[in-house]
PDB file of N, CA and C in Angstrom:
ATOM      1  N   MET A   1       0.178 -20.628 -20.536  1.00  0.00           N
ATOM      2  CA  MET A   1       0.824 -19.503 -19.908  1.00  0.00           C
ATOM      3  C   MET A   1      -0.087 -18.842 -18.874  1.00  0.00           C
ATOM      4  N   LYS A   2      -1.370 -18.733 -19.222  1.00  0.00           N
ATOM      5  CA  LYS A   2      -2.315 -18.112 -18.299  1.00  0.00           C
ATOM      6  C   LYS A   2      -2.420 -18.920 -17.010  1.00  0.00           C
ATOM      7  N   GLN A   3      -2.461 -20.238 -17.133  1.00  0.00           N
ATOM      8  CA  GLN A   3      -2.549 -21.088 -15.944  1.00  0.00           C
ATOM      9  C   GLN A   3      -1.293 -20.967 -15.082  1.00  0.00           C
ATOM     10  N   PHE A   4      -0.142 -20.864 -15.718  1.00  0.00           N
ATOM     11  CA  PHE A   4       1.106 -20.674 -14.982  1.00  0.00           C
ATOM     12  C   PHE A   4       1.067 -19.374 -14.178  1.00  0.00           C
ATOM     13  N   LEU A   5       0.599 -18.293 -14.800  1.00  0.00           N
ATOM     14  CA  LEU A   5       0.522 -17.018 -14.111  1.00  0.00           C
ATOM     15  C   LEU A   5      -0.491 -17.050 -12.974  1.00  0.00           C
ATOM     16  N   LEU A   6      -1.610 -17.748 -13.170  1.00  0.00           N
ATOM     17  CA  LEU A   6      -2.587 -17.891 -12.084  1.00  0.00           C
ATOM     18  C   LEU A   6      -2.007 -18.686 -10.922  1.00  0.00           C
ATOM     19  N   ASN A   7      -1.239 -19.744 -11.235  1.00  0.00           N
ATOM     20  CA  ASN A   7      -0.600 -20.523 -10.177  1.00  0.00           C
ATOM     21  C   ASN A   7       0.423 -19.683  -9.419  1.00  0.00           C
ATOM     22  N   MET A   8       1.171 -18.853 -10.134  1.00  0.00           N
ATOM     23  CA  MET A   8       2.141 -17.972  -9.486  1.00  0.00           C
ATOM     24  C   MET A   8       1.442 -16.955  -8.584  1.00  0.00           C
ATOM     25  N   MET A   9       0.319 -16.423  -9.067  1.00  0.00           N
ATOM     26  CA  MET A   9      -0.434 -15.454  -8.280  1.00  0.00           C
ATOM     27  C   MET A   9      -0.966 -16.108  -7.004  1.00  0.00           C
ATOM     28  N   THR A  10      -1.438 -17.323  -7.112  1.00  0.00           N
ATOM     29  CA  THR A  10      -1.947 -18.047  -5.951  1.00  0.00           C
ATOM     30  C   THR A  10      -0.823 -18.356  -4.966  1.00  0.00           C
ATOM     31  N   ALA A  11       0.338 -18.691  -5.478  1.00  0.00           N
ATOM     32  CA  ALA A  11       1.468 -19.005  -4.606  1.00  0.00           C
ATOM     33  C   ALA A  11       1.995 -17.763  -3.888  1.00  0.00           C
ATOM     34  N   MET A  12       1.836 -16.602  -4.493  1.00  0.00           N
ATOM     35  CA  MET A  12       2.345 -15.376  -3.894  1.00  0.00           C
ATOM     36  C   MET A  12       1.388 -14.736  -2.894  1.00  0.00           C
ATOM     37  N   MET A  13       0.156 -15.201  -2.812  1.00  0.00           N
ATOM     38  CA  MET A  13      -0.826 -14.584  -1.920  1.00  0.00           C
ATOM     39  C   MET A  13      -0.386 -14.544  -0.456  1.00  0.00           C
ATOM     40  N   PRO A  14       0.216 -15.599   0.115  1.00  0.00           N
ATOM     41  CA  PRO A  14       0.644 -15.485   1.518  1.00  0.00           C
ATOM     42  C   PRO A  14       1.725 -14.429   1.738  1.00  0.00           C
ATOM     43  N   ALA A  15       2.515 -14.141   0.735  1.00  0.00           N
ATOM     44  CA  ALA A  15       3.564 -13.130   0.874  1.00  0.00           C
ATOM     45  C   ALA A  15       3.008 -11.714   0.790  1.00  0.00           C
ATOM     46  N   MET A  16       1.772 -11.557   0.385  1.00  0.00           N
ATOM     47  CA  MET A  16       1.190 -10.227   0.244  1.00  0.00           C
ATOM     48  C   MET A  16       0.765  -9.626   1.578  1.00  0.00           C
ATOM     49  N   VAL A  17       0.420 -10.443   2.552  1.00  0.00           N
ATOM     50  CA  VAL A  17      -0.043  -9.919   3.837  1.00  0.00           C
ATOM     51  C   VAL A  17       1.036  -9.087   4.531  1.00  0.00           C
ATOM     52  N   PRO A  18       2.294  -9.554   4.611  1.00  0.00           N
ATOM     53  CA  PRO A  18       3.308  -8.671   5.204  1.00  0.00           C
ATOM     54  C   PRO A  18       3.522  -7.384   4.418  1.00  0.00           C
ATOM     55  N   LEU A  19       3.365  -7.436   3.102  1.00  0.00           N
ATOM     56  CA  LEU A  19       3.502  -6.216   2.308  1.00  0.00           C
ATOM     57  C   LEU A  19       2.402  -5.217   2.627  1.00  0.00           C
ATOM     58  N   VAL A  20       1.202  -5.720   2.910  1.00  0.00           N
ATOM     59  CA  VAL A  20       0.106  -4.831   3.307  1.00  0.00           C
ATOM     60  C   VAL A  20       0.459  -4.131   4.617  1.00  0.00           C
ATOM     61  N   TRP A  21       0.975  -4.884   5.574  1.00  0.00           N
ATOM     62  CA  TRP A  21       1.313  -4.290   6.869  1.00  0.00           C
ATOM     63  C   TRP A  21       2.462  -3.298   6.738  1.00  0.00           C
ATOM     64  N   ILE A  22       3.460  -3.616   5.927  1.00  0.00           N
ATOM     65  CA  ILE A  22       4.582  -2.688   5.744  1.00  0.00           C
ATOM     66  C   ILE A  22       4.108  -1.388   5.091  1.00  0.00           C
ATOM     67  N   GLY A  23       3.304  -1.505   4.047  1.00  0.00           N
ATOM     68  CA  GLY A  23       2.782  -0.307   3.386  1.00  0.00           C
ATOM     69  C   GLY A  23       1.887   0.508   4.298  1.00  0.00           C
ATOM     70  N   GLY A  24       1.071  -0.165   5.097  1.00  0.00           N
ATOM     71  CA  GLY A  24       0.210   0.540   6.044  1.00  0.00           C
ATOM     72  C   GLY A  24       1.012   1.264   7.111  1.00  0.00           C
ATOM     73  N   ILE A  25       2.064   0.616   7.600  1.00  0.00           N
ATOM     74  CA  ILE A  25       2.929   1.255   8.597  1.00  0.00           C
ATOM     75  C   ILE A  25       3.619   2.474   8.000  1.00  0.00           C
ATOM     76  N   LEU A  26       4.071   2.360   6.751  1.00  0.00           N
ATOM     77  CA  LEU A  26       4.695   3.511   6.095  1.00  0.00           C
ATOM     78  C   LEU A  26       3.727   4.688   5.985  1.00  0.00           C
ATOM     79  N   ALA A  27       2.485   4.395   5.610  1.00  0.00           N
ATOM     80  CA  ALA A  27       1.490   5.459   5.465  1.00  0.00           C
ATOM     81  C   ALA A  27       1.181   6.112   6.810  1.00  0.00           C
ATOM     82  N   VAL A  28       1.016   5.310   7.853  1.00  0.00           N
ATOM     83  CA  VAL A  28       0.709   5.859   9.177  1.00  0.00           C
ATOM     84  C   VAL A  28       1.890   6.667   9.715  1.00  0.00           C
ATOM     85  N   LEU A  29       3.102   6.133   9.554  1.00  0.00           N
ATOM     86  CA  LEU A  29       4.284   6.871  10.013  1.00  0.00           C
ATOM     87  C   LEU A  29       4.457   8.183   9.260  1.00  0.00           C
ATOM     88  N   ALA A  30       4.138   8.181   7.971  1.00  0.00           N
ATOM     89  CA  ALA A  30       4.241   9.419   7.194  1.00  0.00           C
ATOM     90  C   ALA A  30       3.290  10.473   7.748  1.00  0.00           C
ATOM     91  N   VAL A  31       2.072  10.075   8.085  1.00  0.00           N
ATOM     92  CA  VAL A  31       1.098  11.025   8.633  1.00  0.00           C
ATOM     93  C   VAL A  31       1.562  11.526   9.998  1.00  0.00           C
ATOM     94  N   VAL A  32       1.985  10.601  10.864  1.00  0.00           N
ATOM     95  CA  VAL A  32       2.410  10.986  12.214  1.00  0.00           C
ATOM     96  C   VAL A  32       3.632  11.893  12.161  1.00  0.00           C
ATOM     97  N   LEU A  33       4.618  11.537  11.350  1.00  0.00           N
ATOM     98  CA  LEU A  33       5.824  12.366  11.273  1.00  0.00           C
ATOM     99  C   LEU A  33       5.554  13.711  10.612  1.00  0.00           C
ATOM    100  N   TYR A  34       4.575  13.765   9.715  1.00  0.00           N
ATOM    101  CA  TYR A  34       4.226  15.060   9.141  1.00  0.00           C
ATOM    102  C   TYR A  34       3.606  15.960  10.207  1.00  0.00           C
ATOM    103  N   LEU A  35       2.763  15.367  11.063  1.00  0.00           N
ATOM    104  CA  LEU A  35       2.159  16.165  12.123  1.00  0.00           C
ATOM    105  C   LEU A  35       3.196  16.638  13.140  1.00  0.00           C
ATOM    106  N   LEU A  36       4.274  15.880  13.296  1.00  0.00           N
ATOM    107  CA  LEU A  36       5.353  16.253  14.209  1.00  0.00           C
ATOM    108  C   LEU A  36       6.534  16.883  13.478  1.00  0.00           C
ATOM    109  N   ALA A  37       6.326  17.320  12.257  1.00  0.00           N
ATOM    110  CA  ALA A  37       7.429  17.744  11.396  1.00  0.00           C
ATOM    111  C   ALA A  37       8.082  19.039  11.835  1.00  0.00           C
ATOM    112  N   SER A  38       7.442  19.807  12.683  1.00  0.00           N
ATOM    113  CA  SER A  38       8.075  21.053  13.108  1.00  0.00           C
ATOM    114  C   SER A  38       9.365  20.779  13.876  1.00  0.00           C
ATOM    115  N   LYS A  39       9.453  19.599  14.514  1.00  0.00           N
ATOM    116  CA  LYS A  39      10.662  19.233  15.261  1.00  0.00           C
ATOM    117  C   LYS A  39      11.651  18.457  14.387  1.00  0.00           C
ATOM    118  N   ALA A  40      11.157  17.522  13.600  1.00  0.00           N
ATOM    119  CA  ALA A  40      12.038  16.603  12.874  1.00  0.00           C
ATOM    120  C   ALA A  40      12.321  17.026  11.436  1.00  0.00           C
ATOM    121  N   GLY A  41      11.608  17.980  10.924  1.00  0.00           N
ATOM    122  CA  GLY A  41      11.778  18.366   9.529  1.00  0.00           C
ATOM    123  C   GLY A  41      10.799  17.607   8.639  1.00  0.00           C
ATOM    124  N   TYR A  42      10.813  17.940   7.367  1.00  0.00           N
ATOM    125  CA  TYR A  42       9.828  17.377   6.449  1.00  0.00           C
ATOM    126  C   TYR A  42      10.374  16.273   5.555  1.00  0.00           C
ATOM    127  N   LYS A  43      11.663  15.972   5.637  1.00  0.00           N
ATOM    128  CA  LYS A  43      12.206  14.922   4.773  1.00  0.00           C
ATOM    129  C   LYS A  43      11.761  13.512   5.169  1.00  0.00           C
ATOM    130  N   PRO A  44      11.740  13.137   6.446  1.00  0.00           N
ATOM    131  CA  PRO A  44      11.265  11.777   6.772  1.00  0.00           C
ATOM    132  C   PRO A  44       9.835  11.493   6.310  1.00  0.00           C
ATOM    133  N   PRO A  45       8.862  12.404   6.548  1.00  0.00           N
ATOM    134  CA  PRO A  45       7.525  12.097   6.024  1.00  0.00           C
ATOM    135  C   PRO A  45       7.476  12.079   4.497  1.00  0.00           C
ATOM    136  N   LEU A  46       8.342  12.864   3.861  1.00  0.00           N
ATOM    137  CA  LEU A  46       8.389  12.862   2.400  1.00  0.00           C
ATOM    138  C   LEU A  46       8.821  11.493   1.889  1.00  0.00           C
ATOM    139  N   TRP A  47       9.876  10.929   2.478  1.00  0.00           N
ATOM    140  CA  TRP A  47      10.360   9.617   2.045  1.00  0.00           C
ATOM    141  C   TRP A  47       9.390   8.507   2.409  1.00  0.00           C
ATOM    142  N   LEU A  48       8.790   8.574   3.595  1.00  0.00           N
ATOM    143  CA  LEU A  48       7.820   7.544   3.984  1.00  0.00           C
ATOM    144  C   LEU A  48       6.576   7.592   3.103  1.00  0.00           C
ATOM    145  N   SER A  49       6.156   8.789   2.734  1.00  0.00           N
ATOM    146  CA  SER A  49       4.986   8.889   1.863  1.00  0.00           C
ATOM    147  C   SER A  49       5.298   8.343   0.471  1.00  0.00           C
ATOM    148  N   ARG A  50       6.530   8.525   0.006  1.00  0.00           N
ATOM    149  CA  ARG A  50       6.919   7.933  -1.286  1.00  0.00           C
ATOM    150  C   ARG A  50       6.883   6.411  -1.206  1.00  0.00           C
ATOM    151  N   GLY A  51       7.327   5.856  -0.092  1.00  0.00           N
ATOM    152  CA  GLY A  51       7.260   4.402   0.096  1.00  0.00           C
ATOM    153  C   GLY A  51       5.827   3.905   0.129  1.00  0.00           C
ATOM    154  N   ALA A  52       4.953   4.628   0.829  1.00  0.00           N
ATOM    155  CA  ALA A  52       3.537   4.235   0.888  1.00  0.00           C
ATOM    156  C   ALA A  52       2.905   4.308  -0.499  1.00  0.00           C
ATOM    157  N   MET A  53       3.261   5.342  -1.269  1.00  0.00           N
ATOM    158  CA  MET A  53       2.726   5.445  -2.631  1.00  0.00           C
ATOM    159  C   MET A  53       3.229   4.316  -3.510  1.00  0.00           C
ATOM    160  N   ALA A  54       4.480   3.917  -3.324  1.00  0.00           N
ATOM    161  CA  ALA A  54       5.025   2.812  -4.123  1.00  0.00           C
ATOM    162  C   ALA A  54       4.278   1.509  -3.809  1.00  0.00           C
ATOM    163  N   PHE A  55       4.019   1.252  -2.539  1.00  0.00           N
ATOM    164  CA  PHE A  55       3.252   0.063  -2.181  1.00  0.00           C
ATOM    165  C   PHE A  55       1.822   0.149  -2.718  1.00  0.00           C
ATOM    166  N   GLY A  56       1.224   1.331  -2.660  1.00  0.00           N
ATOM    167  CA  GLY A  56      -0.124   1.503  -3.198  1.00  0.00           C
ATOM    168  C   GLY A  56      -0.190   1.245  -4.689  1.00  0.00           C
ATOM    169  N   ILE A  57       0.780   1.769  -5.431  1.00  0.00           N
ATOM    170  CA  ILE A  57       0.827   1.533  -6.876  1.00  0.00           C
ATOM    171  C   ILE A  57       1.059   0.058  -7.166  1.00  0.00           C
ATOM    172  N   PHE A  58       1.902  -0.584  -6.347  1.00  0.00           N
ATOM    173  CA  PHE A  58       2.154  -2.017  -6.513  1.00  0.00           C
ATOM    174  C   PHE A  58       0.857  -2.818  -6.376  1.00  0.00           C
ATOM    175  N   PHE A  59       0.062  -2.518  -5.362  1.00  0.00           N
ATOM    176  CA  PHE A  59      -1.180  -3.265  -5.167  1.00  0.00           C
ATOM    177  C   PHE A  59      -2.208  -2.947  -6.248  1.00  0.00           C
ATOM    178  N   LEU A  60      -2.239  -1.734  -6.727  1.00  0.00           N
ATOM    179  CA  LEU A  60      -3.134  -1.418  -7.844  1.00  0.00           C
ATOM    180  C   LEU A  60      -2.707  -2.154  -9.109  1.00  0.00           C
ATOM    181  N   ALA A  61      -1.400  -2.253  -9.347  1.00  0.00           N
ATOM    182  CA  ALA A  61      -0.905  -2.991 -10.511  1.00  0.00           C
ATOM    183  C   ALA A  61      -1.209  -4.480 -10.379  1.00  0.00           C
ATOM    184  N   CYS A  62      -1.087  -5.018  -9.174  1.00  0.00           N
ATOM    185  CA  CYS A  62      -1.424  -6.428  -8.955  1.00  0.00           C
ATOM    186  C   CYS A  62      -2.911  -6.682  -9.206  1.00  0.00           C
ATOM    187  N   GLN A  63      -3.754  -5.728  -8.812  1.00  0.00           N
ATOM    188  CA  GLN A  63      -5.191  -5.854  -9.076  1.00  0.00           C
ATOM    189  C   GLN A  63      -5.435  -5.880 -10.582  1.00  0.00           C
ATOM    190  N   GLY A  64      -4.781  -4.983 -11.304  1.00  0.00           N
ATOM    191  CA  GLY A  64      -4.946  -4.950 -12.756  1.00  0.00           C
ATOM    192  C   GLY A  64      -4.460  -6.226 -13.415  1.00  0.00           C
ATOM    193  N   ALA A  65      -3.307  -6.739 -12.981  1.00  0.00           N
ATOM    194  CA  ALA A  65      -2.784  -7.977 -13.559  1.00  0.00           C
ATOM    195  C   ALA A  65      -3.706  -9.147 -13.256  1.00  0.00           C
ATOM    196  N   GLY A  66      -4.241  -9.188 -12.042  1.00  0.00           N
ATOM    197  CA  GLY A  66      -5.170 -10.263 -11.693  1.00  0.00           C
ATOM    198  C   GLY A  66      -6.452 -10.193 -12.501  1.00  0.00           C
ATOM    199  N   MET A  67      -6.943  -8.994 -12.754  1.00  0.00           N
ATOM    200  CA  MET A  67      -8.165  -8.854 -13.550  1.00  0.00           C
ATOM    201  C   MET A  67      -7.931  -9.253 -14.997  1.00  0.00           C
ATOM    202  N   VAL A  68      -6.728  -8.970 -15.522  1.00  0.00           N
ATOM    203  CA  VAL A  68      -6.403  -9.397 -16.883  1.00  0.00           C
ATOM    204  C   VAL A  68      -6.416 -10.921 -16.970  1.00  0.00           C
ATOM    205  N   LEU A  69      -5.969 -11.576 -15.889  1.00  0.00           N
ATOM    206  CA  LEU A  69      -5.962 -13.041 -15.867  1.00  0.00           C
ATOM    207  C   LEU A  69      -7.328 -13.640 -15.549  1.00  0.00           C
ATOM    208  N   GLY A  70      -8.294 -12.810 -15.222  1.00  0.00           N
ATOM    209  CA  GLY A  70      -9.634 -13.304 -14.934  1.00  0.00           C
ATOM    210  C   GLY A  70      -9.850 -13.661 -13.476  1.00  0.00           C
ATOM    211  N   ALA A  71      -8.991 -13.171 -12.595  1.00  0.00           N
ATOM    212  CA  ALA A  71      -9.124 -13.447 -11.165  1.00  0.00           C
ATOM    213  C   ALA A  71      -9.501 -12.160 -10.440  1.00  0.00           C
ATOM    214  N   ASN A  72      -9.936 -12.303  -9.214  1.00  0.00           N
ATOM    215  CA  ASN A  72     -10.236 -11.160  -8.370  1.00  0.00           C
ATOM    216  C   ASN A  72      -9.306 -11.219  -7.160  1.00  0.00           C
ATOM    217  N   PRO A  73      -8.109 -10.621  -7.258  1.00  0.00           N
ATOM    218  CA  PRO A  73      -7.157 -10.738  -6.158  1.00  0.00           C
ATOM    219  C   PRO A  73      -7.656 -10.031  -4.903  1.00  0.00           C
ATOM    220  N   SER A  74      -7.599 -10.744  -3.800  1.00  0.00           N
ATOM    221  CA  SER A  74      -7.988 -10.184  -2.516  1.00  0.00           C
ATOM    222  C   SER A  74      -7.190 -10.866  -1.417  1.00  0.00           C
ATOM    223  N   ILE A  75      -7.157 -10.220  -0.264  1.00  0.00           N
ATOM    224  CA  ILE A  75      -6.430 -10.745   0.891  1.00  0.00           C
ATOM    225  C   ILE A  75      -7.443 -11.063   1.972  1.00  0.00           C
ATOM    226  N   ASN A  76      -7.257 -12.207   2.612  1.00  0.00           N
ATOM    227  CA  ASN A  76      -8.137 -12.624   3.691  1.00  0.00           C
ATOM    228  C   ASN A  76      -7.563 -12.146   5.017  1.00  0.00           C
ATOM    229  N   PHE A  77      -8.274 -11.254   5.680  1.00  0.00           N
ATOM    230  CA  PHE A  77      -7.866 -10.781   6.994  1.00  0.00           C
ATOM    231  C   PHE A  77      -8.580 -11.534   8.114  1.00  0.00           C
ATOM    232  N   GLY A  78      -9.343 -12.529   7.753  1.00  0.00           N
ATOM    233  CA  GLY A  78     -10.019 -13.347   8.754  1.00  0.00           C
ATOM    234  C   GLY A  78      -9.169 -14.539   9.154  1.00  0.00           C
ATOM    235  N   ASP A  79      -9.744 -15.422   9.966  1.00  0.00           N
ATOM    236  CA  ASP A  79      -9.059 -16.633  10.418  1.00  0.00           C
ATOM    237  C   ASP A  79      -9.620 -17.818   9.642  1.00  0.00           C
ATOM    238  N   PRO A  80      -8.861 -18.348   8.655  1.00  0.00           N
ATOM    239  CA  PRO A  80      -9.404 -19.444   7.853  1.00  0.00           C
ATOM    240  C   PRO A  80      -9.612 -20.732   8.653  1.00  0.00           C
ATOM    241  N   ARG A  81      -8.926 -20.896   9.791  1.00  0.00           N
ATOM    242  CA  ARG A  81      -9.123 -22.100  10.606  1.00  0.00           C
ATOM    243  C   ARG A  81     -10.517 -22.138  11.211  1.00  0.00           C
ATOM    244  N   GLU A  82     -11.090 -20.962  11.432  1.00  0.00           N
ATOM    245  CA  GLU A  82     -12.447 -20.875  11.968  1.00  0.00           C
ATOM    246  C   GLU A  82     -13.457 -20.530  10.882  1.00  0.00           C
ATOM    247  N   PHE A  83     -13.057 -20.673   9.634  1.00  0.00           N
ATOM    248  CA  PHE A  83     -13.895 -20.363   8.471  1.00  0.00           C
ATOM    249  C   PHE A  83     -14.408 -18.926   8.524  1.00  0.00           C
ATOM    250  N   GLU A  84     -13.518 -18.031   8.924  1.00  0.00           N
ATOM    251  CA  GLU A  84     -13.832 -16.608   8.961  1.00  0.00           C
ATOM    252  C   GLU A  84     -13.105 -15.951   7.802  1.00  0.00           C
ATOM    253  N   PHE A  85     -13.850 -15.388   6.885  1.00  0.00           N
ATOM    254  CA  PHE A  85     -13.259 -14.803   5.691  1.00  0.00           C
ATOM    255  C   PHE A  85     -13.635 -13.329   5.597  1.00  0.00           C
ATOM    256  N   ILE A  86     -12.636 -12.482   5.733  1.00  0.00           N
ATOM    257  CA  ILE A  86     -12.801 -11.048   5.544  1.00  0.00           C
ATOM    258  C   ILE A  86     -11.915 -10.678   4.363  1.00  0.00           C
ATOM    259  N   LEU A  87     -12.481 -10.727   3.173  1.00  0.00           N
ATOM    260  CA  LEU A  87     -11.718 -10.511   1.947  1.00  0.00           C
ATOM    261  C   LEU A  87     -11.715  -9.034   1.576  1.00  0.00           C
ATOM    262  N   VAL A  88     -10.528  -8.504   1.332  1.00  0.00           N
ATOM    263  CA  VAL A  88     -10.368  -7.107   0.921  1.00  0.00           C
ATOM    264  C   VAL A  88      -9.634  -7.115  -0.420  1.00  0.00           C
ATOM    265  N   ASP A  89     -10.230  -6.464  -1.403  1.00  0.00           N
ATOM    266  CA  ASP A  89      -9.622  -6.409  -2.738  1.00  0.00           C
ATOM    267  C   ASP A  89      -8.326  -5.611  -2.715  1.00  0.00           C
ATOM    268  N   PHE A  90      -7.440  -5.953  -3.640  1.00  0.00           N
ATOM    269  CA  PHE A  90      -6.146  -5.273  -3.734  1.00  0.00           C
ATOM    270  C   PHE A  90      -6.308  -3.790  -4.054  1.00  0.00           C
ATOM    271  N   TRP A  91      -7.300  -3.443  -4.863  1.00  0.00           N
ATOM    272  CA  TRP A  91      -7.438  -2.044  -5.239  1.00  0.00           C
ATOM    273  C   TRP A  91      -7.804  -1.191  -4.029  1.00  0.00           C
ATOM    274  N   LYS A  92      -8.553  -1.743  -3.084  1.00  0.00           N
ATOM    275  CA  LYS A  92      -8.896  -0.996  -1.874  1.00  0.00           C
ATOM    276  C   LYS A  92      -7.660  -0.786  -1.010  1.00  0.00           C
ATOM    277  N   ILE A  93      -6.837  -1.818  -0.916  1.00  0.00           N
ATOM    278  CA  ILE A  93      -5.608  -1.718  -0.145  1.00  0.00           C
ATOM    279  C   ILE A  93      -4.665  -0.716  -0.809  1.00  0.00           C
ATOM    280  N   GLY A  94      -4.569  -0.791  -2.132  1.00  0.00           N
ATOM    281  CA  GLY A  94      -3.702   0.129  -2.862  1.00  0.00           C
ATOM    282  C   GLY A  94      -4.117   1.580  -2.693  1.00  0.00           C
ATOM    283  N   LEU A  95      -5.419   1.848  -2.775  1.00  0.00           N
ATOM    284  CA  LEU A  95      -5.883   3.221  -2.596  1.00  0.00           C
ATOM    285  C   LEU A  95      -5.717   3.689  -1.153  1.00  0.00           C
ATOM    286  N   ALA A  96      -5.858   2.758  -0.198  1.00  0.00           N
ATOM    287  CA  ALA A  96      -5.676   3.123   1.215  1.00  0.00           C
ATOM    288  C   ALA A  96      -4.240   3.521   1.510  1.00  0.00           C
ATOM    289  N   MET A  97      -3.291   3.078   0.701  1.00  0.00           N
ATOM    290  CA  MET A  97      -1.895   3.494   0.866  1.00  0.00           C
ATOM    291  C   MET A  97      -1.554   4.673  -0.039  1.00  0.00           C
ATOM    292  N   LEU A  98      -2.110   4.682  -1.230  1.00  0.00           N
ATOM    293  CA  LEU A  98      -1.762   5.699  -2.227  1.00  0.00           C
ATOM    294  C   LEU A  98      -2.296   7.081  -1.864  1.00  0.00           C
ATOM    295  N   ILE A  99      -3.533   7.164  -1.428  1.00  0.00           N
ATOM    296  CA  ILE A  99      -4.152   8.471  -1.175  1.00  0.00           C
ATOM    297  C   ILE A  99      -3.486   9.211  -0.013  1.00  0.00           C
ATOM    298  N   PRO A 100      -3.338   8.588   1.186  1.00  0.00           N
ATOM    299  CA  PRO A 100      -2.646   9.348   2.241  1.00  0.00           C
ATOM    300  C   PRO A 100      -1.184   9.618   1.903  1.00  0.00           C
ATOM    301  N   GLY A 101      -0.542   8.677   1.213  1.00  0.00           N
ATOM    302  CA  GLY A 101       0.843   8.907   0.804  1.00  0.00           C
ATOM    303  C   GLY A 101       0.959  10.089  -0.133  1.00  0.00           C
ATOM    304  N   TRP A 102       0.032  10.209  -1.071  1.00  0.00           N
ATOM    305  CA  TRP A 102       0.061  11.321  -2.016  1.00  0.00           C
ATOM    306  C   TRP A 102      -0.222  12.639  -1.312  1.00  0.00           C
ATOM    307  N   ILE A 103      -1.170  12.650  -0.381  1.00  0.00           N
ATOM    308  CA  ILE A 103      -1.500  13.880   0.336  1.00  0.00           C
ATOM    309  C   ILE A 103      -0.305  14.353   1.163  1.00  0.00           C
ATOM    310  N   ILE A 104       0.294  13.450   1.927  1.00  0.00           N
ATOM    311  CA  ILE A 104       1.441  13.821   2.750  1.00  0.00           C
ATOM    312  C   ILE A 104       2.624  14.208   1.867  1.00  0.00           C
ATOM    313  N   TRP A 105       2.825  13.514   0.756  1.00  0.00           N
ATOM    314  CA  TRP A 105       3.908  13.856  -0.158  1.00  0.00           C
ATOM    315  C   TRP A 105       3.727  15.277  -0.703  1.00  0.00           C
ATOM    316  N   SER A 106       2.501  15.600  -1.098  1.00  0.00           N
ATOM    317  CA  SER A 106       2.272  16.929  -1.670  1.00  0.00           C
ATOM    318  C   SER A 106       2.452  18.018  -0.615  1.00  0.00           C
ATOM    319  N   PHE A 107       1.957  17.794   0.611  1.00  0.00           N
ATOM    320  CA  PHE A 107       2.127  18.793   1.663  1.00  0.00           C
ATOM    321  C   PHE A 107       3.599  18.939   2.057  1.00  0.00           C
ATOM    322  N   ALA A 108       4.288  17.811   2.240  1.00  0.00           N
ATOM    323  CA  ALA A 108       5.689  17.859   2.675  1.00  0.00           C
ATOM    324  C   ALA A 108       6.586  18.462   1.605  1.00  0.00           C
ATOM    325  N   SER A 109       6.351  18.117   0.340  1.00  0.00           N
ATOM    326  CA  SER A 109       7.184  18.701  -0.727  1.00  0.00           C
ATOM    327  C   SER A 109       6.900  20.203  -0.862  1.00  0.00           C
ATOM    328  N   ASN A 110       5.659  20.601  -0.621  1.00  0.00           N
ATOM    329  CA  ASN A 110       5.327  22.029  -0.656  1.00  0.00           C
ATOM    330  C   ASN A 110       6.035  22.773   0.469  1.00  0.00           C
ATOM    331  N   LYS A 111       6.053  22.185   1.671  1.00  0.00           N
ATOM    332  CA  LYS A 111       6.738  22.811   2.807  1.00  0.00           C
ATOM    333  C   LYS A 111       8.248  22.892   2.557  1.00  0.00           C
ATOM    334  N   LEU A 112       8.831  21.845   1.961  1.00  0.00           N
ATOM    335  CA  LEU A 112      10.261  21.865   1.678  1.00  0.00           C
ATOM    336  C   LEU A 112      10.600  22.910   0.622  1.00  0.00           C
ATOM    337  N   SER A 113       9.744  23.084  -0.365  1.00  0.00           N
ATOM    338  CA  SER A 113      10.025  24.069  -1.397  1.00  0.00           C
ATOM    339  C   SER A 113       9.862  25.483  -0.876  1.00  0.00           C
ATOM    340  N   GLN A 114       9.022  25.675   0.135  1.00  0.00           N
ATOM    341  CA  GLN A 114       8.867  27.002   0.722  1.00  0.00           C
ATOM    342  C   GLN A 114      10.056  27.386   1.583  1.00  0.00           C
ATOM    343  N   LYS A 115      10.714  26.371   2.176  1.00  0.00           N
ATOM    344  CA  LYS A 115      11.871  26.657   3.040  1.00  0.00           C
ATOM    345  C   LYS A 115      13.084  27.111   2.242  1.00  0.00           C
ATOM    346  N   THR A 116      13.218  26.618   1.003  1.00  0.00           N
ATOM    347  CA  THR A 116      14.407  26.961   0.225  1.00  0.00           C
ATOM    348  C   THR A 116      14.214  28.191  -0.607  1.00  0.00           C
TER     349      THR A 116
END
């Protein structure tokens, strides 16, 4: 069973790179829209920050599952054709999405509660 799960984890690694970009875009958009929230309101950054937090929690959970299996899950941002390896652990990616998402979520929800 452990080998099956390791094989599944290895097969899913190429699908993780687009998820990193989607989560990163959500986090950046949440910050930008929060800074521009006086015009657009606070609901869009609130929802985007929730999405960024969900992706961050997902990557932290994947890191935990990989560690239970005895692996060190990471994503290569380098070019493997040129033997360039820039490995970033899942927990770093997860925290990079979770922390700004949580900050923007807390600020935006506070602003929304003050308006009502």
